[in-house]
Amino acid sequence: MADKTQLQYTAEHEWILVTGTTATVGITAYAAEKLGDVVFVDLPAAGTTVALGKVVGEIESTKSVGELFAPVDGVILESNQAVVDAPELVNSDPFGEGWLIKVSFEVLPTFLSFDEYTALVGE
């Protein structure tokens, strides 16, 4: 994936890599660390319509259950089957192999920059 400083972020601890009209989405290392050891990931099927701010998936850890929110209005192009099969990828490589979904969109909302996100989480 791209350099963390080149990604965009949400206040819900998701990162977004924009390529044309596709947003690749994952959770940040901060979120993965707070969740603890991820043991189960539930992601939407390709073709699912998603709405900005609505829950589209679930990430379960040994400590808690986290929700994955759609950062855009759009349609799921792909869910990362590797993460479904090996949920620990969310912890071991959250910005790479641990990506979660790819969504096509028409309108891109304003996200946080790397600096804004790190200020938000205090890192």
C-alpha atoms as a PDB file:
ATOM      1  CA  MET A   1       0.000   0.000   0.000  1.00  0.00           C
ATOM      2  CA  ALA A   2       0.923   3.647  -0.025  1.00  0.00           C
ATOM      3  CA  ASP A   3       2.992   5.458   2.541  1.00  0.00           C
ATOM      4  CA  LYS A   4       0.856   6.167   5.656  1.00  0.00           C
ATOM      5  CA  THR A   5       1.498   9.892   5.245  1.00  0.00           C
ATOM      6  CA  GLN A   6      -0.101   9.772   1.769  1.00  0.00           C
ATOM      7  CA  LEU A   7      -3.335   8.129   2.966  1.00  0.00           C
ATOM      8  CA  GLN A   8      -6.483   9.873   4.141  1.00  0.00           C
ATOM      9  CA  TYR A   9      -8.172   9.045   7.456  1.00  0.00           C
ATOM     10  CA  THR A  10     -11.509   9.088   9.261  1.00  0.00           C
ATOM     11  CA  ALA A  11     -12.223   9.873  12.907  1.00  0.00           C
ATOM     12  CA  GLU A  12     -13.446   6.235  13.120  1.00  0.00           C
ATOM     13  CA  HIS A  13      -9.816   5.090  12.691  1.00  0.00           C
ATOM     14  CA  GLU A  14     -10.044   3.986   9.080  1.00  0.00           C
ATOM     15  CA  TRP A  15      -7.541   4.769   6.361  1.00  0.00           C
ATOM     16  CA  ILE A  16      -8.485   5.412   2.744  1.00  0.00           C
ATOM     17  CA  LEU A  17      -6.338   5.090  -0.349  1.00  0.00           C
ATOM     18  CA  VAL A  18      -8.008   6.832  -3.287  1.00  0.00           C
ATOM     19  CA  THR A  19      -7.206   5.579  -6.768  1.00  0.00           C
ATOM     20  CA  GLY A  20      -9.428   7.226  -9.382  1.00  0.00           C
ATOM     21  CA  THR A  21     -12.990   6.481  -8.253  1.00  0.00           C
ATOM     22  CA  THR A  22     -12.008   3.566  -6.004  1.00  0.00           C
ATOM     23  CA  ALA A  23     -11.381   3.847  -2.271  1.00  0.00           C
ATOM     24  CA  THR A  24      -9.409   1.057  -0.620  1.00  0.00           C
ATOM     25  CA  VAL A  25     -10.268   1.014   3.091  1.00  0.00           C
ATOM     26  CA  GLY A  26      -8.690  -0.517   6.165  1.00  0.00           C
ATOM     27  CA  ILE A  27      -8.326   0.229   9.849  1.00  0.00           C
ATOM     28  CA  THR A  28      -5.315   2.034  11.232  1.00  0.00           C
ATOM     29  CA  ALA A  29      -2.562   0.446  13.290  1.00  0.00           C
ATOM     30  CA  TYR A  30      -3.865   2.508  16.229  1.00  0.00           C
ATOM     31  CA  ALA A  31      -7.317   0.895  15.885  1.00  0.00           C
ATOM     32  CA  ALA A  32      -5.843  -2.582  15.426  1.00  0.00           C
ATOM     33  CA  GLU A  33      -3.750  -2.129  18.563  1.00  0.00           C
ATOM     34  CA  LYS A  34      -6.753  -0.911  20.589  1.00  0.00           C
ATOM     35  CA  LEU A  35      -8.849  -3.871  19.390  1.00  0.00           C
ATOM     36  CA  GLY A  36      -6.246  -6.433  20.369  1.00  0.00           C
ATOM     37  CA  ASP A  37      -5.850  -9.767  18.593  1.00  0.00           C
ATOM     38  CA  VAL A  38      -8.371  -9.850  15.730  1.00  0.00           C
ATOM     39  CA  VAL A  39     -10.041 -13.272  15.482  1.00  0.00           C
ATOM     40  CA  PHE A  40     -12.950 -12.691  13.063  1.00  0.00           C
ATOM     41  CA  VAL A  41     -13.764 -10.258  10.261  1.00  0.00           C
ATOM     42  CA  ASP A  42     -17.163  -9.936   8.575  1.00  0.00           C
ATOM     43  CA  LEU A  43     -17.118  -7.921   5.338  1.00  0.00           C
ATOM     44  CA  PRO A  44     -19.816  -7.065   2.772  1.00  0.00           C
ATOM     45  CA  ALA A  45     -20.091  -8.927  -0.521  1.00  0.00           C
ATOM     46  CA  ALA A  46     -19.084  -7.360  -3.826  1.00  0.00           C
ATOM     47  CA  GLY A  47     -22.009  -5.467  -5.316  1.00  0.00           C
ATOM     48  CA  THR A  48     -23.353  -4.318  -1.927  1.00  0.00           C
ATOM     49  CA  THR A  49     -24.431  -0.671  -1.886  1.00  0.00           C
ATOM     50  CA  VAL A  50     -23.023   1.226   1.103  1.00  0.00           C
ATOM     51  CA  ALA A  51     -23.844   4.613   2.595  1.00  0.00           C
ATOM     52  CA  LEU A  52     -21.426   7.077   4.164  1.00  0.00           C
ATOM     53  CA  GLY A  53     -21.199   6.569   7.919  1.00  0.00           C
ATOM     54  CA  LYS A  54     -23.220   3.348   7.985  1.00  0.00           C
ATOM     55  CA  VAL A  55     -21.863   0.091   9.385  1.00  0.00           C
ATOM     56  CA  VAL A  56     -20.670  -2.251   6.619  1.00  0.00           C
ATOM     57  CA  GLY A  57     -18.678  -4.827   8.540  1.00  0.00           C
ATOM     58  CA  GLU A  58     -17.505  -6.119  11.855  1.00  0.00           C
ATOM     59  CA  ILE A  59     -14.079  -6.783  13.321  1.00  0.00           C
ATOM     60  CA  GLU A  60     -14.011  -9.045  16.373  1.00  0.00           C
ATOM     61  CA  SER A  61     -11.046  -9.380  18.675  1.00  0.00           C
ATOM     62  CA  THR A  62     -10.306 -11.205  21.881  1.00  0.00           C
ATOM     63  CA  LYS A  63     -11.196  -7.970  23.716  1.00  0.00           C
ATOM     64  CA  SER A  64     -14.125  -6.448  21.829  1.00  0.00           C
ATOM     65  CA  VAL A  65     -16.135  -6.068  18.631  1.00  0.00           C
ATOM     66  CA  GLY A  66     -15.455  -3.101  16.357  1.00  0.00           C
ATOM     67  CA  GLU A  67     -17.548  -1.846  13.492  1.00  0.00           C
ATOM     68  CA  LEU A  68     -16.346  -0.923  10.026  1.00  0.00           C
ATOM     69  CA  PHE A  69     -18.048   2.183   8.651  1.00  0.00           C
ATOM     70  CA  ALA A  70     -18.425   3.140   4.995  1.00  0.00           C
ATOM     71  CA  PRO A  71     -16.287   6.242   4.384  1.00  0.00           C
ATOM     72  CA  VAL A  72     -18.166   7.004   1.143  1.00  0.00           C
ATOM     73  CA  ASP A  73     -21.478   6.381  -0.582  1.00  0.00           C
ATOM     74  CA  GLY A  74     -20.826   3.698  -3.159  1.00  0.00           C
ATOM     75  CA  VAL A  75     -20.725   0.059  -4.154  1.00  0.00           C
ATOM     76  CA  ILE A  76     -18.390  -2.615  -2.799  1.00  0.00           C
ATOM     77  CA  LEU A  77     -16.059  -3.739  -5.571  1.00  0.00           C
ATOM     78  CA  GLU A  78     -14.130  -6.251  -3.495  1.00  0.00           C
ATOM     79  CA  SER A  79     -13.737  -7.496   0.067  1.00  0.00           C
ATOM     80  CA  ASN A  80     -10.386  -8.870   1.174  1.00  0.00           C
ATOM     81  CA  GLN A  81     -10.946 -12.628   1.415  1.00  0.00           C
ATOM     82  CA  ALA A  82      -7.415 -13.065   2.782  1.00  0.00           C
ATOM     83  CA  VAL A  83      -8.445 -11.109   5.908  1.00  0.00           C
ATOM     84  CA  VAL A  84     -11.618 -13.185   6.302  1.00  0.00           C
ATOM     85  CA  ASP A  85      -9.484 -16.344   6.108  1.00  0.00           C
ATOM     86  CA  ALA A  86      -6.649 -14.951   8.285  1.00  0.00           C
ATOM     87  CA  PRO A  87      -8.040 -12.142  10.495  1.00  0.00           C
ATOM     88  CA  GLU A  88      -4.648 -11.662  12.167  1.00  0.00           C
ATOM     89  CA  LEU A  89      -3.552  -9.779   9.014  1.00  0.00           C
ATOM     90  CA  VAL A  90      -5.470  -6.795  10.413  1.00  0.00           C
ATOM     91  CA  ASN A  91      -2.977  -6.712  13.298  1.00  0.00           C
ATOM     92  CA  SER A  92       0.191  -7.738  11.482  1.00  0.00           C
ATOM     93  CA  ASP A  93      -0.182  -5.570   8.352  1.00  0.00           C
ATOM     94  CA  PRO A  94      -3.072  -3.077   8.752  1.00  0.00           C
ATOM     95  CA  PHE A  95      -1.796  -0.768   5.982  1.00  0.00           C
ATOM     96  CA  GLY A  96      -0.967  -3.536   3.517  1.00  0.00           C
ATOM     97  CA  GLU A  97      -2.294  -7.090   3.320  1.00  0.00           C
ATOM     98  CA  GLY A  98      -4.796  -6.234   6.076  1.00  0.00           C
ATOM     99  CA  TRP A  99      -6.894  -3.904   3.879  1.00  0.00           C
ATOM    100  CA  LEU A 100     -10.619  -4.611   4.181  1.00  0.00           C
ATOM    101  CA  ILE A 101     -12.752  -3.324   1.298  1.00  0.00           C
ATOM    102  CA  LYS A 102     -12.596  -1.536  -2.041  1.00  0.00           C
ATOM    103  CA  VAL A 103     -15.512   0.779  -2.793  1.00  0.00           C
ATOM    104  CA  SER A 104     -16.397   2.653  -5.977  1.00  0.00           C
ATOM    105  CA  PHE A 105     -17.666   6.177  -5.350  1.00  0.00           C
ATOM    106  CA  GLU A 106     -18.770   9.296  -7.183  1.00  0.00           C
ATOM    107  CA  VAL A 107     -18.304  11.926  -4.474  1.00  0.00           C
ATOM    108  CA  LEU A 108     -15.353  11.932  -2.112  1.00  0.00           C
ATOM    109  CA  PRO A 109     -15.984  13.511   1.294  1.00  0.00           C
ATOM    110  CA  THR A 110     -13.312  15.461   3.139  1.00  0.00           C
ATOM    111  CA  PHE A 111     -11.088  13.224   5.257  1.00  0.00           C
ATOM    112  CA  LEU A 112      -8.353  13.835   7.793  1.00  0.00           C
ATOM    113  CA  SER A 113      -4.742  14.162   6.682  1.00  0.00           C
ATOM    114  CA  PHE A 114      -2.028  12.035   8.301  1.00  0.00           C
ATOM    115  CA  ASP A 115      -1.058  14.959  10.543  1.00  0.00           C
ATOM    116  CA  GLU A 116      -4.678  15.624  11.539  1.00  0.00           C
ATOM    117  CA  TYR A 117      -5.223  11.933  12.328  1.00  0.00           C
ATOM    118  CA  THR A 118      -2.059  11.607  14.414  1.00  0.00           C
ATOM    119  CA  ALA A 119      -3.110  14.735  16.347  1.00  0.00           C
ATOM    120  CA  LEU A 120      -6.530  13.138  16.928  1.00  0.00           C
ATOM    121  CA  VAL A 121      -5.073   9.950  18.420  1.00  0.00           C
ATOM    122  CA  GLY A 122      -2.255  11.734  20.201  1.00  0.00           C
ATOM    123  CA  GLU A 123       0.629  10.006  18.454  1.00  0.00           C
END
